[in-house]
Amino acid sequence: LYPATTGRNFDEILRVVDSLQLTAYKKVATPVDWKP
């Protein structure tokens, strides 16, 4: 949830998608500040 005055960070959204997809199929988790 973002306030209307703050633009969303789509690079972060892509990073989260990468993490969600990886962790959905492998027995791993992604640590703080993880990048693909």
PDB file of all heavy atoms in Angstrom:
ATOM      1  N   LEU A   1       0.853  -1.181   0.000  1.00  0.00           N
ATOM      2  CA  LEU A   1       0.000   0.000   0.000  1.00  0.00           C
ATOM      3  C   LEU A   1       0.890   1.232   0.000  1.00  0.00           C
ATOM      4  O   LEU A   1       1.738   1.391   0.875  1.00  0.00           O
ATOM      5  CB  LEU A   1      -0.905  -0.009   1.242  1.00  0.00           C
ATOM      6  CG  LEU A   1      -1.865   1.148   1.415  1.00  0.00           C
ATOM      7  CD1 LEU A   1      -2.888   1.165   0.282  1.00  0.00           C
ATOM      8  CD2 LEU A   1      -2.570   1.043   2.758  1.00  0.00           C
ATOM      9  N   TYR A   2       0.723   2.078  -1.009  1.00  0.00           N
ATOM     10  CA  TYR A   2       1.480   3.318  -1.135  1.00  0.00           C
ATOM     11  C   TYR A   2       0.545   4.506  -0.954  1.00  0.00           C
ATOM     12  O   TYR A   2      -0.598   4.459  -1.415  1.00  0.00           O
ATOM     13  CB  TYR A   2       2.057   3.454  -2.551  1.00  0.00           C
ATOM     14  CG  TYR A   2       3.222   2.582  -2.893  1.00  0.00           C
ATOM     15  CD1 TYR A   2       3.039   1.285  -3.352  1.00  0.00           C
ATOM     16  CD2 TYR A   2       4.518   3.072  -2.818  1.00  0.00           C
ATOM     17  CE1 TYR A   2       4.118   0.496  -3.712  1.00  0.00           C
ATOM     18  CE2 TYR A   2       5.596   2.292  -3.178  1.00  0.00           C
ATOM     19  CZ  TYR A   2       5.386   1.004  -3.628  1.00  0.00           C
ATOM     20  OH  TYR A   2       6.457   0.233  -3.990  1.00  0.00           O
ATOM     21  N   PRO A   3       1.034   5.598  -0.375  1.00  0.00           N
ATOM     22  CA  PRO A   3       0.224   6.821  -0.409  1.00  0.00           C
ATOM     23  C   PRO A   3       0.225   7.366  -1.837  1.00  0.00           C
ATOM     24  O   PRO A   3       1.169   7.119  -2.605  1.00  0.00           O
ATOM     25  CB  PRO A   3       0.959   7.763   0.548  1.00  0.00           C
ATOM     26  CG  PRO A   3       2.358   7.262   0.601  1.00  0.00           C
ATOM     27  CD  PRO A   3       2.296   5.777   0.328  1.00  0.00           C
ATOM     28  N   ALA A   4      -0.809   8.082  -2.205  1.00  0.00           N
ATOM     29  CA  ALA A   4      -0.933   8.589  -3.574  1.00  0.00           C
ATOM     30  C   ALA A   4       0.188   9.564  -3.946  1.00  0.00           C
ATOM     31  O   ALA A   4       0.445   9.800  -5.122  1.00  0.00           O
ATOM     32  CB  ALA A   4      -2.289   9.259  -3.763  1.00  0.00           C
ATOM     33  N   THR A   5       0.871  10.095  -2.946  1.00  0.00           N
ATOM     34  CA  THR A   5       1.941  11.062  -3.212  1.00  0.00           C
ATOM     35  C   THR A   5       3.290  10.409  -3.471  1.00  0.00           C
ATOM     36  O   THR A   5       4.252  11.095  -3.788  1.00  0.00           O
ATOM     37  CB  THR A   5       2.096  12.020  -2.013  1.00  0.00           C
ATOM     38  OG1 THR A   5       2.324  11.237  -0.832  1.00  0.00           O
ATOM     39  CG2 THR A   5       0.850  12.883  -1.847  1.00  0.00           C
ATOM     40  N   THR A   6       3.364   9.083  -3.332  1.00  0.00           N
ATOM     41  CA  THR A   6       4.629   8.363  -3.491  1.00  0.00           C
ATOM     42  C   THR A   6       4.514   7.369  -4.635  1.00  0.00           C
ATOM     43  O   THR A   6       3.706   6.444  -4.576  1.00  0.00           O
ATOM     44  CB  THR A   6       4.995   7.614  -2.191  1.00  0.00           C
ATOM     45  OG1 THR A   6       5.051   8.560  -1.126  1.00  0.00           O
ATOM     46  CG2 THR A   6       6.327   6.899  -2.326  1.00  0.00           C
ATOM     47  N   GLY A   7       5.328   7.560  -5.656  1.00  0.00           N
ATOM     48  CA  GLY A   7       5.308   6.649  -6.799  1.00  0.00           C
ATOM     49  C   GLY A   7       5.844   5.281  -6.432  1.00  0.00           C
ATOM     50  O   GLY A   7       6.748   5.141  -5.607  1.00  0.00           O
ATOM     51  N   ARG A   8       5.279   4.269  -7.046  1.00  0.00           N
ATOM     52  CA  ARG A   8       5.712   2.892  -6.799  1.00  0.00           C
ATOM     53  C   ARG A   8       7.067   2.639  -7.433  1.00  0.00           C
ATOM     54  O   ARG A   8       7.400   3.230  -8.447  1.00  0.00           O
ATOM     55  CB  ARG A   8       4.676   1.916  -7.362  1.00  0.00           C
ATOM     56  CG  ARG A   8       3.431   1.900  -6.498  1.00  0.00           C
ATOM     57  CD  ARG A   8       2.328   1.144  -7.174  1.00  0.00           C
ATOM     58  NE  ARG A   8       1.469   2.100  -7.834  1.00  0.00           N
ATOM     59  CZ  ARG A   8       0.160   1.947  -7.975  1.00  0.00           C
ATOM     60  NH1 ARG A   8      -0.428   0.866  -7.542  1.00  0.00           N
ATOM     61  NH2 ARG A   8      -0.563   2.853  -8.571  1.00  0.00           N
ATOM     62  N   ASN A   9       7.805   1.733  -6.845  1.00  0.00           N
ATOM     63  CA  ASN A   9       9.116   1.375  -7.349  1.00  0.00           C
ATOM     64  C   ASN A   9       8.979   0.086  -8.157  1.00  0.00           C
ATOM     65  O   ASN A   9       8.934  -1.008  -7.590  1.00  0.00           O
ATOM     66  CB  ASN A   9      10.091   1.200  -6.176  1.00  0.00           C
ATOM     67  CG  ASN A   9      11.501   0.922  -6.633  1.00  0.00           C
ATOM     68  OD1 ASN A   9      11.728   0.335  -7.692  1.00  0.00           O
ATOM     69  ND2 ASN A   9      12.455   1.321  -5.834  1.00  0.00           N
ATOM     70  N   PHE A  10       8.914   0.208  -9.480  1.00  0.00           N
ATOM     71  CA  PHE A  10       8.701  -0.970 -10.312  1.00  0.00           C
ATOM     72  C   PHE A  10       9.936  -1.860 -10.389  1.00  0.00           C
ATOM     73  O   PHE A  10       9.819  -3.052 -10.658  1.00  0.00           O
ATOM     74  CB  PHE A  10       8.196  -0.563 -11.699  1.00  0.00           C
ATOM     75  CG  PHE A  10       6.714  -0.319 -11.705  1.00  0.00           C
ATOM     76  CD1 PHE A  10       6.196   0.926 -11.393  1.00  0.00           C
ATOM     77  CD2 PHE A  10       5.827  -1.341 -11.982  1.00  0.00           C
ATOM     78  CE1 PHE A  10       4.827   1.146 -11.363  1.00  0.00           C
ATOM     79  CE2 PHE A  10       4.459  -1.142 -11.954  1.00  0.00           C
ATOM     80  CZ  PHE A  10       3.962   0.105 -11.642  1.00  0.00           C
ATOM     81  N   ASP A  11      11.130  -1.314 -10.134  1.00  0.00           N
ATOM     82  CA  ASP A  11      12.307  -2.182 -10.045  1.00  0.00           C
ATOM     83  C   ASP A  11      12.160  -3.109  -8.841  1.00  0.00           C
ATOM     84  O   ASP A  11      12.490  -4.292  -8.911  1.00  0.00           O
ATOM     85  CB  ASP A  11      13.589  -1.356  -9.921  1.00  0.00           C
ATOM     86  CG  ASP A  11      13.894  -0.578 -11.193  1.00  0.00           C
ATOM     87  OD1 ASP A  11      13.583  -1.083 -12.292  1.00  0.00           O
ATOM     88  OD2 ASP A  11      14.444   0.537 -11.085  1.00  0.00           O
ATOM     89  N   GLU A  12      11.626  -2.584  -7.738  1.00  0.00           N
ATOM     90  CA  GLU A  12      11.384  -3.410  -6.554  1.00  0.00           C
ATOM     91  C   GLU A  12      10.289  -4.432  -6.831  1.00  0.00           C
ATOM     92  O   GLU A  12      10.392  -5.584  -6.406  1.00  0.00           O
ATOM     93  CB  GLU A  12      11.012  -2.533  -5.351  1.00  0.00           C
ATOM     94  CG  GLU A  12      10.545  -3.299  -4.129  1.00  0.00           C
ATOM     95  CD  GLU A  12      11.557  -4.247  -3.501  1.00  0.00           C
ATOM     96  OE1 GLU A  12      12.729  -4.288  -3.936  1.00  0.00           O
ATOM     97  OE2 GLU A  12      11.172  -4.976  -2.573  1.00  0.00           O
ATOM     98  N   ILE A  13       9.266  -4.037  -7.550  1.00  0.00           N
ATOM     99  CA  ILE A  13       8.190  -4.979  -7.875  1.00  0.00           C
ATOM    100  C   ILE A  13       8.737  -6.132  -8.729  1.00  0.00           C
ATOM    101  O   ILE A  13       8.414  -7.294  -8.494  1.00  0.00           O
ATOM    102  CB  ILE A  13       7.000  -4.257  -8.530  1.00  0.00           C
ATOM    103  CG1 ILE A  13       6.342  -3.318  -7.495  1.00  0.00           C
ATOM    104  CG2 ILE A  13       5.991  -5.245  -9.112  1.00  0.00           C
ATOM    105  CD1 ILE A  13       5.331  -2.343  -8.072  1.00  0.00           C
ATOM    106  N   LEU A  14       9.603  -5.816  -9.694  1.00  0.00           N
ATOM    107  CA  LEU A  14      10.240  -6.872 -10.496  1.00  0.00           C
ATOM    108  C   LEU A  14      11.107  -7.777  -9.613  1.00  0.00           C
ATOM    109  O   LEU A  14      11.097  -9.000  -9.758  1.00  0.00           O
ATOM    110  CB  LEU A  14      11.109  -6.266 -11.595  1.00  0.00           C
ATOM    111  CG  LEU A  14      10.410  -5.897 -12.885  1.00  0.00           C
ATOM    112  CD1 LEU A  14      11.355  -5.119 -13.799  1.00  0.00           C
ATOM    113  CD2 LEU A  14       9.877  -7.116 -13.604  1.00  0.00           C
ATOM    114  N   ARG A  15      11.855  -7.176  -8.683  1.00  0.00           N
ATOM    115  CA  ARG A  15      12.704  -7.954  -7.775  1.00  0.00           C
ATOM    116  C   ARG A  15      11.851  -8.906  -6.932  1.00  0.00           C
ATOM    117  O   ARG A  15      12.192 -10.079  -6.754  1.00  0.00           O
ATOM    118  CB  ARG A  15      13.504  -7.012  -6.855  1.00  0.00           C
ATOM    119  CG  ARG A  15      14.514  -7.721  -5.963  1.00  0.00           C
ATOM    120  CD  ARG A  15      15.056  -6.776  -4.902  1.00  0.00           C
ATOM    121  NE  ARG A  15      14.127  -6.627  -3.796  1.00  0.00           N
ATOM    122  CZ  ARG A  15      14.073  -7.433  -2.737  1.00  0.00           C
ATOM    123  NH1 ARG A  15      14.887  -8.472  -2.640  1.00  0.00           N
ATOM    124  NH2 ARG A  15      13.200  -7.233  -1.771  1.00  0.00           N
ATOM    125  N   VAL A  16      10.719  -8.414  -6.446  1.00  0.00           N
ATOM    126  CA  VAL A  16       9.827  -9.248  -5.645  1.00  0.00           C
ATOM    127  C   VAL A  16       9.256 -10.390  -6.490  1.00  0.00           C
ATOM    128  O   VAL A  16       9.181 -11.530  -6.029  1.00  0.00           O
ATOM    129  CB  VAL A  16       8.704  -8.398  -5.009  1.00  0.00           C
ATOM    130  CG1 VAL A  16       7.628  -9.280  -4.412  1.00  0.00           C
ATOM    131  CG2 VAL A  16       9.272  -7.466  -3.961  1.00  0.00           C
ATOM    132  N   VAL A  17       8.877 -10.099  -7.725  1.00  0.00           N
ATOM    133  CA  VAL A  17       8.375 -11.156  -8.616  1.00  0.00           C
ATOM    134  C   VAL A  17       9.453 -12.222  -8.800  1.00  0.00           C
ATOM    135  O   VAL A  17       9.176 -13.421  -8.708  1.00  0.00           O
ATOM    136  CB  VAL A  17       7.917 -10.579  -9.973  1.00  0.00           C
ATOM    137  CG1 VAL A  17       7.724 -11.680 -11.014  1.00  0.00           C
ATOM    138  CG2 VAL A  17       6.640  -9.760  -9.816  1.00  0.00           C
ATOM    139  N   ASP A  18      10.700 -11.797  -9.034  1.00  0.00           N
ATOM    140  CA  ASP A  18      11.794 -12.759  -9.189  1.00  0.00           C
ATOM    141  C   ASP A  18      11.931 -13.626  -7.940  1.00  0.00           C
ATOM    142  O   ASP A  18      12.093 -14.848  -8.028  1.00  0.00           O
ATOM    143  CB  ASP A  18      13.113 -12.041  -9.469  1.00  0.00           C
ATOM    144  CG  ASP A  18      13.180 -11.444 -10.866  1.00  0.00           C
ATOM    145  OD1 ASP A  18      12.460 -11.930 -11.768  1.00  0.00           O
ATOM    146  OD2 ASP A  18      13.955 -10.478 -11.059  1.00  0.00           O
ATOM    147  N   SER A  19      11.861 -13.006  -6.771  1.00  0.00           N
ATOM    148  CA  SER A  19      11.964 -13.749  -5.514  1.00  0.00           C
ATOM    149  C   SER A  19      10.782 -14.702  -5.338  1.00  0.00           C
ATOM    150  O   SER A  19      10.969 -15.877  -4.996  1.00  0.00           O
ATOM    151  CB  SER A  19      12.021 -12.781  -4.329  1.00  0.00           C
ATOM    152  OG  SER A  19      11.960 -13.490  -3.110  1.00  0.00           O
ATOM    153  N   LEU A  20       9.571 -14.209  -5.577  1.00  0.00           N
ATOM    154  CA  LEU A  20       8.382 -15.056  -5.422  1.00  0.00           C
ATOM    155  C   LEU A  20       8.425 -16.261  -6.352  1.00  0.00           C
ATOM    156  O   LEU A  20       8.094 -17.382  -5.950  1.00  0.00           O
ATOM    157  CB  LEU A  20       7.113 -14.243  -5.681  1.00  0.00           C
ATOM    158  CG  LEU A  20       6.738 -13.217  -4.619  1.00  0.00           C
ATOM    159  CD1 LEU A  20       5.614 -12.320  -5.128  1.00  0.00           C
ATOM    160  CD2 LEU A  20       6.345 -13.890  -3.321  1.00  0.00           C
ATOM    161  N   GLN A  21       8.842 -16.029  -7.593  1.00  0.00           N
ATOM    162  CA  GLN A  21       8.898 -17.143  -8.542  1.00  0.00           C
ATOM    163  C   GLN A  21       9.987 -18.139  -8.157  1.00  0.00           C
ATOM    164  O   GLN A  21       9.775 -19.350  -8.221  1.00  0.00           O
ATOM    165  CB  GLN A  21       9.087 -16.614  -9.959  1.00  0.00           C
ATOM    166  CG  GLN A  21       7.849 -15.907 -10.467  1.00  0.00           C
ATOM    167  CD  GLN A  21       7.985 -15.359 -11.873  1.00  0.00           C
ATOM    168  OE1 GLN A  21       9.087 -15.182 -12.388  1.00  0.00           O
ATOM    169  NE2 GLN A  21       6.860 -15.082 -12.510  1.00  0.00           N
ATOM    170  N   LEU A  22      11.138 -17.653  -7.747  1.00  0.00           N
ATOM    171  CA  LEU A  22      12.232 -18.545  -7.349  1.00  0.00           C
ATOM    172  C   LEU A  22      11.840 -19.370  -6.128  1.00  0.00           C
ATOM    173  O   LEU A  22      11.994 -20.594  -6.100  1.00  0.00           O
ATOM    174  CB  LEU A  22      13.495 -17.728  -7.046  1.00  0.00           C
ATOM    175  CG  LEU A  22      14.696 -18.512  -6.532  1.00  0.00           C
ATOM    176  CD1 LEU A  22      15.205 -19.482  -7.595  1.00  0.00           C
ATOM    177  CD2 LEU A  22      15.791 -17.561  -6.091  1.00  0.00           C
ATOM    178  N   THR A  23      11.292 -18.710  -5.119  1.00  0.00           N
ATOM    179  CA  THR A  23      10.967 -19.410  -3.872  1.00  0.00           C
ATOM    180  C   THR A  23       9.734 -20.301  -4.001  1.00  0.00           C
ATOM    181  O   THR A  23       9.549 -21.208  -3.192  1.00  0.00           O
ATOM    182  CB  THR A  23      10.798 -18.420  -2.700  1.00  0.00           C
ATOM    183  OG1 THR A  23       9.728 -17.507  -2.987  1.00  0.00           O
ATOM    184  CG2 THR A  23      12.085 -17.639  -2.468  1.00  0.00           C
ATOM    185  N   ALA A  24       8.930 -20.076  -5.026  1.00  0.00           N
ATOM    186  CA  ALA A  24       7.771 -20.939  -5.257  1.00  0.00           C
ATOM    187  C   ALA A  24       8.197 -22.300  -5.809  1.00  0.00           C
ATOM    188  O   ALA A  24       7.499 -23.296  -5.604  1.00  0.00           O
ATOM    189  CB  ALA A  24       6.795 -20.277  -6.229  1.00  0.00           C
ATOM    190  N   TYR A  25       9.348 -22.338  -6.491  1.00  0.00           N
ATOM    191  CA  TYR A  25       9.742 -23.566  -7.173  1.00  0.00           C
ATOM    192  C   TYR A  25      10.991 -24.230  -6.586  1.00  0.00           C
ATOM    193  O   TYR A  25      11.289 -25.375  -6.905  1.00  0.00           O
ATOM    194  CB  TYR A  25       9.940 -23.288  -8.657  1.00  0.00           C
ATOM    195  CG  TYR A  25       8.699 -22.687  -9.289  1.00  0.00           C
ATOM    196  CD1 TYR A  25       8.712 -21.405  -9.815  1.00  0.00           C
ATOM    197  CD2 TYR A  25       7.495 -23.387  -9.313  1.00  0.00           C
ATOM    198  CE1 TYR A  25       7.555 -20.842 -10.373  1.00  0.00           C
ATOM    199  CE2 TYR A  25       6.347 -22.830  -9.860  1.00  0.00           C
ATOM    200  CZ  TYR A  25       6.395 -21.559 -10.392  1.00  0.00           C
ATOM    201  OH  TYR A  25       5.248 -21.012 -10.934  1.00  0.00           O
ATOM    202  N   LYS A  26      11.712 -23.522  -5.767  1.00  0.00           N
ATOM    203  CA  LYS A  26      12.926 -24.065  -5.130  1.00  0.00           C
ATOM    204  C   LYS A  26      12.763 -23.964  -3.618  1.00  0.00           C
ATOM    205  O   LYS A  26      12.023 -23.124  -3.122  1.00  0.00           O
ATOM    206  CB  LYS A  26      14.169 -23.259  -5.554  1.00  0.00           C
ATOM    207  CG  LYS A  26      14.404 -23.196  -7.051  1.00  0.00           C
ATOM    208  CD  LYS A  26      14.916 -24.495  -7.584  1.00  0.00           C
ATOM    209  CE  LYS A  26      15.215 -24.371  -9.073  1.00  0.00           C
ATOM    210  NZ  LYS A  26      15.709 -25.598  -9.635  1.00  0.00           N
ATOM    211  N   LYS A  27      13.471 -24.780  -2.883  1.00  0.00           N
ATOM    212  CA  LYS A  27      13.367 -24.768  -1.416  1.00  0.00           C
ATOM    213  C   LYS A  27      14.351 -23.751  -0.839  1.00  0.00           C
ATOM    214  O   LYS A  27      15.286 -24.098  -0.101  1.00  0.00           O
ATOM    215  CB  LYS A  27      13.601 -26.167  -0.871  1.00  0.00           C
ATOM    216  CG  LYS A  27      12.496 -27.124  -1.274  1.00  0.00           C
ATOM    217  CD  LYS A  27      12.660 -28.483  -0.677  1.00  0.00           C
ATOM    218  CE  LYS A  27      11.482 -29.344  -1.123  1.00  0.00           C
ATOM    219  NZ  LYS A  27      11.418 -30.594  -0.427  1.00  0.00           N
ATOM    220  N   VAL A  28      14.121 -22.489  -1.219  1.00  0.00           N
ATOM    221  CA  VAL A  28      14.997 -21.402  -0.790  1.00  0.00           C
ATOM    222  C   VAL A  28      14.153 -20.196  -0.366  1.00  0.00           C
ATOM    223  O   VAL A  28      12.955 -20.131  -0.633  1.00  0.00           O
ATOM    224  CB  VAL A  28      15.970 -20.974  -1.919  1.00  0.00           C
ATOM    225  CG1 VAL A  28      16.914 -22.114  -2.290  1.00  0.00           C
ATOM    226  CG2 VAL A  28      15.231 -20.470  -3.151  1.00  0.00           C
ATOM    227  N   ALA A  29      14.835 -19.267   0.286  1.00  0.00           N
ATOM    228  CA  ALA A  29      14.269 -17.966   0.628  1.00  0.00           C
ATOM    229  C   ALA A  29      15.290 -16.928   0.175  1.00  0.00           C
ATOM    230  O   ALA A  29      16.467 -17.253  -0.033  1.00  0.00           O
ATOM    231  CB  ALA A  29      14.039 -17.867   2.132  1.00  0.00           C
ATOM    232  N   THR A  30      14.852 -15.691   0.012  1.00  0.00           N
ATOM    233  CA  THR A  30      15.785 -14.646  -0.408  1.00  0.00           C
ATOM    234  C   THR A  30      16.050 -13.707   0.770  1.00  0.00           C
ATOM    235  O   THR A  30      15.119 -13.220   1.400  1.00  0.00           O
ATOM    236  CB  THR A  30      15.246 -13.860  -1.617  1.00  0.00           C
ATOM    237  OG1 THR A  30      13.963 -13.325  -1.320  1.00  0.00           O
ATOM    238  CG2 THR A  30      15.149 -14.760  -2.844  1.00  0.00           C
ATOM    239  N   PRO A  31      17.331 -13.450   1.074  1.00  0.00           N
ATOM    240  CA  PRO A  31      17.675 -12.613   2.219  1.00  0.00           C
ATOM    241  C   PRO A  31      17.469 -11.126   1.925  1.00  0.00           C
ATOM    242  O   PRO A  31      17.154 -10.735   0.796  1.00  0.00           O
ATOM    243  CB  PRO A  31      19.154 -12.929   2.440  1.00  0.00           C
ATOM    244  CG  PRO A  31      19.665 -13.287   1.089  1.00  0.00           C
ATOM    245  CD  PRO A  31      18.516 -13.967   0.390  1.00  0.00           C
ATOM    246  N   VAL A  32      17.698 -10.322   2.939  1.00  0.00           N
ATOM    247  CA  VAL A  32      17.577  -8.875   2.824  1.00  0.00           C
ATOM    248  C   VAL A  32      18.415  -8.364   1.638  1.00  0.00           C
ATOM    249  O   VAL A  32      19.504  -8.864   1.364  1.00  0.00           O
ATOM    250  CB  VAL A  32      18.007  -8.190   4.146  1.00  0.00           C
ATOM    251  CG1 VAL A  32      19.480  -8.445   4.451  1.00  0.00           C
ATOM    252  CG2 VAL A  32      17.702  -6.701   4.126  1.00  0.00           C
ATOM    253  N   ASP A  33      17.856  -7.416   0.908  1.00  0.00           N
ATOM    254  CA  ASP A  33      18.521  -6.754  -0.223  1.00  0.00           C
ATOM    255  C   ASP A  33      18.941  -7.707  -1.346  1.00  0.00           C
ATOM    256  O   ASP A  33      19.786  -7.374  -2.171  1.00  0.00           O
ATOM    257  CB  ASP A  33      19.737  -5.936   0.249  1.00  0.00           C
ATOM    258  CG  ASP A  33      19.346  -4.829   1.205  1.00  0.00           C
ATOM    259  OD1 ASP A  33      18.230  -4.288   1.073  1.00  0.00           O
ATOM    260  OD2 ASP A  33      20.162  -4.500   2.103  1.00  0.00           O
ATOM    261  N   TRP A  34      18.353  -8.899  -1.389  1.00  0.00           N
ATOM    262  CA  TRP A  34      18.671  -9.878  -2.424  1.00  0.00           C
ATOM    263  C   TRP A  34      18.350  -9.318  -3.801  1.00  0.00           C
ATOM    264  O   TRP A  34      17.381  -8.587  -3.991  1.00  0.00           O
ATOM    265  CB  TRP A  34      17.849 -11.149  -2.179  1.00  0.00           C
ATOM    266  CG  TRP A  34      17.975 -12.171  -3.272  1.00  0.00           C
ATOM    267  CD1 TRP A  34      18.936 -13.129  -3.386  1.00  0.00           C
ATOM    268  CD2 TRP A  34      17.116 -12.334  -4.396  1.00  0.00           C
ATOM    269  NE1 TRP A  34      18.719 -13.879  -4.514  1.00  0.00           N
ATOM    270  CE2 TRP A  34      17.605 -13.398  -5.165  1.00  0.00           C
ATOM    271  CE3 TRP A  34      15.975 -11.660  -4.845  1.00  0.00           C
ATOM    272  CZ2 TRP A  34      17.005 -13.839  -6.336  1.00  0.00           C
ATOM    273  CZ3 TRP A  34      15.379 -12.093  -6.017  1.00  0.00           C
ATOM    274  CH2 TRP A  34      15.892 -13.162  -6.752  1.00  0.00           C
ATOM    275  N   LYS A  35      19.195  -9.679  -4.763  1.00  0.00           N
ATOM    276  CA  LYS A  35      18.960  -9.359  -6.167  1.00  0.00           C
ATOM    277  C   LYS A  35      19.139 -10.646  -6.964  1.00  0.00           C
ATOM    278  O   LYS A  35      19.907 -11.521  -6.560  1.00  0.00           O
ATOM    279  CB  LYS A  35      19.947  -8.302  -6.659  1.00  0.00           C
ATOM    280  CG  LYS A  35      19.768  -6.952  -5.996  1.00  0.00           C
ATOM    281  CD  LYS A  35      20.799  -5.969  -6.525  1.00  0.00           C
ATOM    282  CE  LYS A  35      20.807  -4.718  -5.711  1.00  0.00           C
ATOM    283  NZ  LYS A  35      21.773  -4.735  -4.616  1.00  0.00           N
ATOM    284  N   PRO A  36      18.453 -10.786  -8.108  1.00  0.00           N
ATOM    285  CA  PRO A  36      18.625 -11.991  -8.924  1.00  0.00           C
ATOM    286  C   PRO A  36      20.114 -12.259  -9.201  1.00  0.00           C
ATOM    287  O   PRO A  36      20.866 -11.352  -9.550  1.00  0.00           O
ATOM    288  CB  PRO A  36      17.871 -11.670 -10.207  1.00  0.00           C
ATOM    289  CG  PRO A  36      16.813 -10.698  -9.768  1.00  0.00           C
ATOM    290  CD  PRO A  36      17.484  -9.861  -8.708  1.00  0.00           C
TER     291      PRO A  36
END
